[in-house]
Amino acid sequence: FDSARRQDDVHPAPGEVDGQRVAHILDPRTGRPLTHRLASVTVIDPLAVRADAFDTALMVLGTDEGMALATKLNLAALFIERTNDGFAERVTPRFEEITAKR
């Protein structure tokens, strides 16, 4: 399986806006920085440009909506979400399938 891996992260900028950390990705539905707890999305795909587009789109959607879409589209995706105790990972079935073979 020849593939590219792309990862999008929320890199907080120094400071806050309205009490929220400022991310470098804007939600096009609101025009504002992302505010959910999703810290990172990694997508594995044969085309780097497609992986790049999907990791950003999934990042905007957040964990639940992003997982639902990634699973529906059979994408290999890893979601890392902030929790009160640190971080939690969630992966799509396709991600499990691909990484189990390596």
Protein backbone atom coordinates (compact mmCIF):
# COMPACT_ATOMS: atom_id res chain seq x y z
CA PHE A 1 0.00 0.00 0.00
CA ASP A 2 1.78 3.12 -1.20
CA SER A 3 0.42 5.98 0.78
CA ALA A 4 0.91 9.46 2.11
CA ARG A 5 0.22 10.50 5.66
CA ARG A 6 -1.00 13.97 6.51
CA GLN A 7 -1.71 15.38 9.91
CA ASP A 8 -3.47 18.53 10.95
CA ASP A 9 -3.08 19.90 14.46
CA VAL A 10 -4.52 22.76 16.40
CA HIS A 11 -1.56 24.95 17.30
CA PRO A 12 -2.78 27.45 19.82
CA ALA A 13 -1.51 30.95 19.24
CA PRO A 14 -0.41 32.99 22.20
CA GLY A 15 -3.47 34.48 23.84
CA GLU A 16 -7.17 33.85 23.76
CA VAL A 17 -10.30 35.19 22.10
CA ASP A 18 -13.45 35.29 24.22
CA GLY A 19 -11.80 32.93 26.71
CA GLN A 20 -11.00 30.29 24.05
CA ARG A 21 -7.60 29.24 22.72
CA VAL A 22 -7.10 30.50 19.19
CA ALA A 23 -6.43 27.83 16.53
CA HIS A 24 -4.94 28.35 13.07
CA ILE A 25 -7.92 26.62 11.41
CA LEU A 26 -11.17 28.52 10.99
CA ASP A 27 -14.56 26.83 10.91
CA PRO A 28 -16.15 28.03 7.65
CA ARG A 29 -19.60 27.55 9.20
CA THR A 30 -18.88 30.23 11.80
CA GLY A 31 -15.85 32.10 10.47
CA ARG A 32 -14.22 31.62 13.87
CA PRO A 33 -11.31 29.50 15.14
CA LEU A 34 -12.07 25.92 16.17
CA THR A 35 -13.17 25.54 19.78
CA HIS A 36 -13.74 21.78 20.17
CA ARG A 37 -11.42 19.38 22.00
CA LEU A 38 -10.01 17.70 18.91
CA ALA A 39 -6.24 18.20 18.95
CA SER A 40 -5.12 16.33 15.82
CA VAL A 41 -6.33 14.34 12.82
CA THR A 42 -4.08 12.09 10.76
CA VAL A 43 -5.25 10.69 7.41
CA ILE A 44 -3.48 8.00 5.38
CA ASP A 45 -4.28 8.07 1.66
CA PRO A 46 -2.47 7.22 -1.59
CA LEU A 47 -2.64 10.91 -2.58
CA ALA A 48 -1.05 13.42 -0.21
CA VAL A 49 -3.24 16.24 -1.51
CA ARG A 50 -6.40 14.25 -0.72
CA ALA A 51 -5.08 13.32 2.73
CA ASP A 52 -4.36 17.01 3.33
CA ALA A 53 -7.86 18.07 2.31
CA PHE A 54 -9.52 15.41 4.41
CA ASP A 55 -7.47 15.97 7.56
CA THR A 56 -8.42 19.65 7.55
CA ALA A 57 -12.10 18.94 6.82
CA LEU A 58 -12.25 16.30 9.56
CA MET A 59 -10.51 18.67 11.96
CA VAL A 60 -13.18 21.30 11.30
CA LEU A 61 -15.99 18.78 11.85
CA GLY A 62 -14.67 17.63 15.22
CA THR A 63 -14.40 14.13 16.60
CA ASP A 64 -17.95 12.77 16.32
CA GLU A 65 -18.94 14.30 12.98
CA GLY A 66 -15.45 13.73 11.58
CA MET A 67 -15.40 10.05 12.63
CA ALA A 68 -18.84 9.52 11.11
CA LEU A 69 -17.79 11.04 7.78
CA ALA A 70 -14.41 9.29 7.70
CA THR A 71 -16.05 5.94 8.43
CA LYS A 72 -18.73 6.51 5.79
CA LEU A 73 -16.06 7.38 3.20
CA ASN A 74 -13.82 4.49 4.32
CA LEU A 75 -10.94 6.84 5.16
CA ALA A 76 -7.97 5.76 7.25
CA ALA A 77 -8.10 8.38 10.00
CA LEU A 78 -6.73 8.80 13.51
CA PHE A 79 -8.35 11.38 15.80
CA ILE A 80 -6.61 12.62 18.96
CA GLU A 81 -8.86 14.47 21.35
CA ARG A 82 -8.02 16.40 24.51
CA THR A 83 -9.53 14.95 27.67
CA ASN A 84 -9.48 16.07 31.28
CA ASP A 85 -6.74 13.47 31.88
CA GLY A 86 -4.64 14.14 28.75
CA PHE A 87 -5.49 12.72 25.33
CA ALA A 88 -7.63 9.94 23.84
CA GLU A 89 -7.30 8.31 20.41
CA ARG A 90 -10.08 7.17 18.11
CA VAL A 91 -9.46 5.44 14.78
CA THR A 92 -11.60 4.44 11.84
CA PRO A 93 -11.91 0.78 10.80
CA ARG A 94 -9.81 1.52 7.70
CA PHE A 95 -7.02 3.02 9.82
CA GLU A 96 -7.01 -0.11 12.01
CA GLU A 97 -6.88 -2.31 8.89
CA ILE A 98 -3.96 -0.43 7.33
CA THR A 99 -1.88 -0.08 10.48
CA ALA A 100 -2.42 -3.73 11.51
CA LYS A 101 -0.70 -4.81 8.27
CA ARG A 102 2.48 -2.83 9.01
